[in-house]
Amino acid sequence: MDTRPPKSTRIIPCDECPLCRNDSFRNFEGNELSYISGFKRGELVAEGGSTIYVEGSNSPHLYTVISGWGFRYKTLEDGRRQILNYVLPGDFLGLQGSLLTEMMHSVEALSDILLCVFERDRLFDLFKEQPGLGFDITWLGAREEQMLDEHLLSVGRRSALERASYLLAFIYERAKLVGLFRKSAVITPLTQQHVADTLGLSLVHTNKTLRKLQSRGVIAWKDAGFVIKDIDALMKIAGWEGLPEGKRRFI
């Protein structure tokens, strides 16, 4: 595990933030953007494979993901890993550590990630001075809980084939909304090990399950990624209706 800290990088004016130019996210109102500009402390780059938060740590920073993606996870003492959810642009990181003193999970970068940095000890000021932005943070926490509910249902009650279909459809839908796909719907650098650690299956069982999906023509996989060939078929196999409609909130 790479535990090198993220690297400092340039300052991006808030009115030039890629998230503000993405139609999937809601528009700021009144003086919210100028407030966020003062609340923000810059950007950091976390290289793919590096650790952004370590379970049990107490970081002074909160982050919004501007670009790239990663995952949240927990580990047992013997090193076995459970991936809890995936981190994509617009996601807010570190709230758990702000409210519970220390992080109860770790966060790792899958690709290079550009992070917008905020100071944790100023979070309460934001709630007092900008209740609308405070609601956005509450919305983000509720949305994360909603996704974890669906993931728990999937691990607990869906078959292996349904679980894999749900996971790939879920990541595809989220990535498409935030513009991670450019020329084709390739989920990369996701590996079969990541899938196994998310689904709670052995790597052998995961490989067999993914081969079944590939034989049906709904996915194809490369060395470190998956090509989604038929999203409707994936959703049908999973028995999943997709993400709720509406603009996403972020800070």
Protein backbone atom coordinates (compact mmCIF):
# COMPACT_ATOMS: atom_id res chain seq x y z
CA MET A 1 0.00 0.00 0.00
CA ASP A 2 1.34 3.41 -1.00
CA THR A 3 0.96 5.79 1.95
CA ARG A 4 2.73 8.77 0.41
CA PRO A 5 0.76 11.98 1.04
CA PRO A 6 -0.99 13.71 -1.85
CA LYS A 7 1.06 16.33 -3.69
CA SER A 8 0.27 20.03 -3.71
CA THR A 9 -0.69 21.49 -7.06
CA ARG A 10 -1.99 24.67 -8.69
CA ILE A 11 -4.89 26.76 -7.48
CA ILE A 12 -8.03 26.44 -9.61
CA PRO A 13 -10.46 29.38 -9.29
CA CYS A 14 -13.81 28.08 -8.07
CA ASP A 15 -15.64 29.63 -11.02
CA GLU A 16 -13.41 27.54 -13.31
CA CYS A 17 -13.97 24.28 -11.44
CA PRO A 18 -14.85 21.42 -13.82
CA LEU A 19 -17.71 20.41 -11.52
CA CYS A 20 -19.34 23.83 -11.88
CA ARG A 21 -19.35 23.31 -15.65
CA ASN A 22 -20.89 19.84 -15.44
CA ASP A 23 -24.65 19.80 -15.98
CA SER A 24 -25.01 16.86 -13.59
CA PHE A 25 -24.33 19.16 -10.62
CA ARG A 26 -26.55 21.87 -9.22
CA ASN A 27 -25.66 25.55 -9.66
CA PHE A 28 -24.51 27.59 -6.67
CA GLU A 29 -26.80 30.42 -5.56
CA GLY A 30 -26.16 33.90 -4.20
CA ASN A 31 -22.75 34.21 -2.56
CA GLU A 32 -22.23 30.47 -2.12
CA LEU A 33 -19.48 30.25 -4.72
CA SER A 34 -17.53 33.15 -3.24
CA TYR A 35 -17.90 31.62 0.22
CA ILE A 36 -16.55 28.28 -1.01
CA SER A 37 -13.67 30.15 -2.65
CA GLY A 38 -12.68 31.49 0.78
CA PHE A 39 -13.37 28.18 2.52
CA LYS A 40 -11.14 26.28 0.10
CA ARG A 41 -7.40 25.91 0.76
CA GLY A 42 -6.16 24.72 -2.63
CA GLU A 43 -5.82 21.41 -4.44
CA LEU A 44 -3.86 18.23 -3.95
CA VAL A 45 -3.02 15.42 -6.36
CA ALA A 46 -3.14 11.84 -5.10
CA GLU A 47 -1.39 9.43 -7.46
CA GLY A 48 -3.10 6.20 -8.48
CA GLY A 49 -2.47 3.55 -5.83
CA SER A 50 -1.78 6.06 -3.05
CA THR A 51 -3.77 6.25 0.18
CA ILE A 52 -5.78 9.41 0.83
CA TYR A 53 -7.11 8.42 4.26
CA VAL A 54 -6.01 5.58 6.54
CA GLU A 55 -8.50 3.89 8.84
CA GLY A 56 -7.97 5.15 12.40
CA SER A 57 -6.24 8.36 11.29
CA ASN A 58 -7.22 11.91 12.20
CA SER A 59 -6.69 14.16 9.18
CA PRO A 60 -7.06 17.96 9.36
CA HIS A 61 -8.43 18.06 5.82
CA LEU A 62 -11.67 17.39 3.97
CA TYR A 63 -11.71 16.85 0.22
CA THR A 64 -14.03 17.15 -2.75
CA VAL A 65 -12.99 14.97 -5.69
CA ILE A 66 -12.55 17.17 -8.78
CA SER A 67 -11.33 14.48 -11.17
CA GLY A 68 -10.28 10.83 -11.10
CA TRP A 69 -11.64 8.10 -8.89
CA GLY A 70 -10.88 5.75 -6.02
CA PHE A 71 -12.57 3.59 -3.41
CA ARG A 72 -13.42 3.38 0.30
CA TYR A 73 -12.52 0.18 2.13
CA LYS A 74 -12.01 -1.58 5.44
CA THR A 75 -9.61 -4.41 6.28
CA LEU A 76 -9.51 -7.23 8.80
CA GLU A 77 -6.42 -7.89 10.90
CA ASP A 78 -5.28 -10.61 8.49
CA GLY A 79 -5.37 -8.17 5.55
CA ARG A 80 -8.63 -9.24 3.94
CA ARG A 81 -10.26 -6.21 2.33
CA GLN A 82 -13.87 -5.18 1.80
CA ILE A 83 -14.44 -2.35 -0.67
CA LEU A 84 -17.41 -0.34 0.59
CA ASN A 85 -18.01 2.11 -2.24
CA TYR A 86 -16.32 3.94 -5.08
CA VAL A 87 -15.26 7.59 -5.04
CA LEU A 88 -15.98 9.71 -8.12
CA PRO A 89 -15.95 13.43 -9.01
CA GLY A 90 -18.20 15.48 -6.74
CA ASP A 91 -17.86 13.11 -3.79
CA PHE A 92 -16.99 14.59 -0.38
CA LEU A 93 -14.30 12.80 1.64
CA GLY A 94 -13.51 12.94 5.34
CA LEU A 95 -16.87 13.86 6.84
CA GLN A 96 -16.86 10.73 8.99
CA GLY A 97 -13.55 11.75 10.55
CA SER A 98 -14.91 15.24 11.24
CA LEU A 99 -17.87 13.92 13.22
CA LEU A 100 -16.33 10.81 14.82
CA THR A 101 -12.79 12.17 15.48
CA GLU A 102 -11.06 9.48 13.40
CA MET A 103 -11.67 7.74 10.11
CA MET A 104 -13.42 4.37 10.33
CA HIS A 105 -12.41 3.37 6.80
CA SER A 106 -9.56 4.01 4.36
CA VAL A 107 -9.66 5.69 0.94
CA GLU A 108 -7.33 4.73 -1.92
CA ALA A 109 -6.90 6.35 -5.32
CA LEU A 110 -7.59 4.07 -8.30
CA SER A 111 -6.38 6.65 -10.80
CA ASP A 112 -4.62 9.98 -10.24
CA ILE A 113 -7.12 12.11 -8.31
CA LEU A 114 -7.34 15.88 -8.13
CA LEU A 115 -8.76 16.94 -4.77
CA CYS A 116 -10.17 20.26 -3.60
CA VAL A 117 -8.94 20.81 -0.03
CA PHE A 118 -10.88 22.23 2.94
CA GLU A 119 -9.89 22.59 6.60
CA ARG A 120 -11.83 20.25 8.85
CA ASP A 121 -11.91 22.63 11.84
CA ARG A 122 -13.83 25.23 9.80
CA LEU A 123 -16.68 22.88 8.91
CA PHE A 124 -18.96 24.06 11.74
CA ASP A 125 -18.53 27.66 10.54
CA LEU A 126 -19.87 26.61 7.15
CA PHE A 127 -23.01 25.16 8.73
CA LYS A 128 -23.58 28.37 10.70
CA GLU A 129 -22.82 30.86 7.94
CA GLN A 130 -24.10 28.97 4.88
CA PRO A 131 -27.00 26.67 5.85
CA GLY A 132 -27.65 25.93 2.17
CA LEU A 133 -24.14 24.50 1.81
CA GLY A 134 -24.61 22.71 5.12
CA PHE A 135 -27.67 21.06 3.61
CA ASP A 136 -25.55 20.00 0.63
CA ILE A 137 -23.13 18.22 2.98
CA THR A 138 -26.06 16.55 4.76
CA TRP A 139 -27.43 15.52 1.35
CA LEU A 140 -24.07 13.98 0.43
CA GLY A 141 -24.03 12.00 3.68
CA ALA A 142 -27.59 10.76 3.12
CA ARG A 143 -26.78 9.82 -0.47
CA GLU A 144 -23.76 7.79 0.67
CA GLU A 145 -25.99 5.96 3.15
CA GLN A 146 -28.50 5.25 0.38
CA MET A 147 -25.78 3.73 -1.82
CA LEU A 148 -24.44 1.62 1.03
CA ASP A 149 -27.97 0.31 1.67
CA GLU A 150 -28.14 -0.88 -1.93
CA HIS A 151 -24.66 -2.41 -1.73
CA LEU A 152 -25.57 -4.30 1.45
CA LEU A 153 -28.73 -5.62 -0.20
CA SER A 154 -26.64 -6.75 -3.16
CA VAL A 155 -24.01 -8.58 -1.09
CA GLY A 156 -26.63 -10.12 1.19
CA ARG A 157 -29.36 -11.17 -1.24
CA ARG A 158 -28.28 -11.04 -4.88
CA SER A 159 -26.69 -14.04 -6.56
CA ALA A 160 -23.07 -13.76 -7.68
CA LEU A 161 -24.16 -13.01 -11.26
CA GLU A 162 -26.65 -10.39 -10.05
CA ARG A 163 -24.06 -8.82 -7.74
CA ALA A 164 -21.48 -8.45 -10.50
CA SER A 165 -24.08 -7.04 -12.89
CA TYR A 166 -25.28 -4.55 -10.30
CA LEU A 167 -21.76 -3.40 -9.42
CA LEU A 168 -20.67 -2.78 -13.00
CA ALA A 169 -23.98 -1.11 -13.89
CA PHE A 170 -23.76 1.07 -10.76
CA ILE A 171 -20.22 2.22 -11.53
CA TYR A 172 -21.10 2.76 -15.19
CA GLU A 173 -24.12 4.93 -14.35
CA ARG A 174 -22.20 7.04 -11.84
CA ALA A 175 -19.19 7.48 -14.11
CA LYS A 176 -21.33 8.44 -17.09
CA LEU A 177 -23.11 11.16 -15.12
CA VAL A 178 -19.90 12.86 -14.03
CA GLY A 179 -18.18 12.63 -17.41
CA LEU A 180 -15.52 10.01 -16.72
CA PHE A 181 -16.20 8.33 -20.06
CA ARG A 182 -14.76 10.02 -23.10
CA LYS A 183 -14.71 7.91 -26.25
CA SER A 184 -16.04 4.62 -24.89
CA ALA A 185 -17.60 3.12 -21.77
CA VAL A 186 -14.44 1.58 -20.31
CA ILE A 187 -14.30 1.28 -16.52
CA THR A 188 -10.57 1.48 -15.84
CA PRO A 189 -8.31 0.77 -13.95
CA LEU A 190 -10.77 -1.55 -12.19
CA THR A 191 -9.42 -5.10 -11.84
CA GLN A 192 -11.05 -8.42 -11.06
CA GLN A 193 -9.51 -8.21 -7.58
CA HIS A 194 -11.34 -4.93 -6.95
CA VAL A 195 -14.57 -6.56 -8.08
CA ALA A 196 -13.96 -9.58 -5.83
CA ASP A 197 -13.22 -7.36 -2.83
CA THR A 198 -16.44 -5.42 -3.45
CA LEU A 199 -18.69 -8.44 -3.99
CA GLY A 200 -17.29 -10.49 -1.10
CA LEU A 201 -16.38 -13.36 -3.44
CA SER A 202 -13.16 -15.26 -4.03
CA LEU A 203 -11.11 -14.24 -7.04
CA VAL A 204 -11.83 -17.62 -8.69
CA HIS A 205 -15.59 -17.26 -8.19
CA THR A 206 -15.44 -13.67 -9.45
CA ASN A 207 -13.57 -14.73 -12.58
CA LYS A 208 -16.16 -17.42 -13.37
CA THR A 209 -18.99 -14.95 -12.81
CA LEU A 210 -17.47 -12.31 -15.06
CA ARG A 211 -16.88 -14.92 -17.76
CA LYS A 212 -20.59 -15.69 -17.72
CA LEU A 213 -21.38 -12.01 -18.28
CA GLN A 214 -18.81 -11.83 -21.05
CA SER A 215 -20.25 -14.92 -22.74
CA ARG A 216 -23.65 -13.18 -22.80
CA GLY A 217 -22.09 -10.25 -24.61
CA VAL A 218 -22.92 -7.64 -21.96
CA ILE A 219 -19.33 -6.88 -20.91
CA ALA A 220 -15.76 -7.45 -22.04
CA TRP A 221 -12.68 -7.06 -19.91
CA LYS A 222 -9.17 -5.95 -20.61
CA ASP A 223 -6.01 -6.15 -18.47
CA ALA A 224 -7.25 -3.53 -15.99
CA GLY A 225 -10.72 -2.50 -16.98
CA PHE A 226 -14.18 -3.47 -18.16
CA VAL A 227 -16.01 -2.46 -21.31
CA ILE A 228 -19.76 -2.12 -20.83
CA LYS A 229 -21.39 -3.40 -24.01
CA ASP A 230 -25.06 -3.63 -22.95
CA ILE A 231 -25.98 -1.57 -19.89
CA ASP A 232 -29.69 -2.39 -20.19
CA ALA A 233 -28.96 -6.10 -20.03
CA LEU A 234 -26.71 -5.61 -16.99
CA MET A 235 -29.43 -3.71 -15.16
CA LYS A 236 -32.01 -6.36 -16.06
CA ILE A 237 -29.81 -9.18 -14.73
CA ALA A 238 -29.23 -7.23 -11.52
CA GLY A 239 -32.87 -6.29 -11.08
CA TRP A 240 -31.74 -2.69 -10.60
CA GLU A 241 -33.57 0.32 -12.02
CA GLY A 242 -30.66 2.74 -12.01
CA LEU A 243 -29.78 5.93 -10.18
CA PRO A 244 -32.42 8.47 -9.10
CA GLU A 245 -32.96 11.50 -11.32
CA GLY A 246 -32.02 15.03 -10.32
CA LYS A 247 -29.07 17.38 -9.95
CA ARG A 248 -26.27 16.31 -7.65
CA ARG A 249 -25.08 18.54 -4.83
CA PHE A 250 -21.45 19.20 -3.95
CA ILE A 251 -19.17 21.71 -2.30
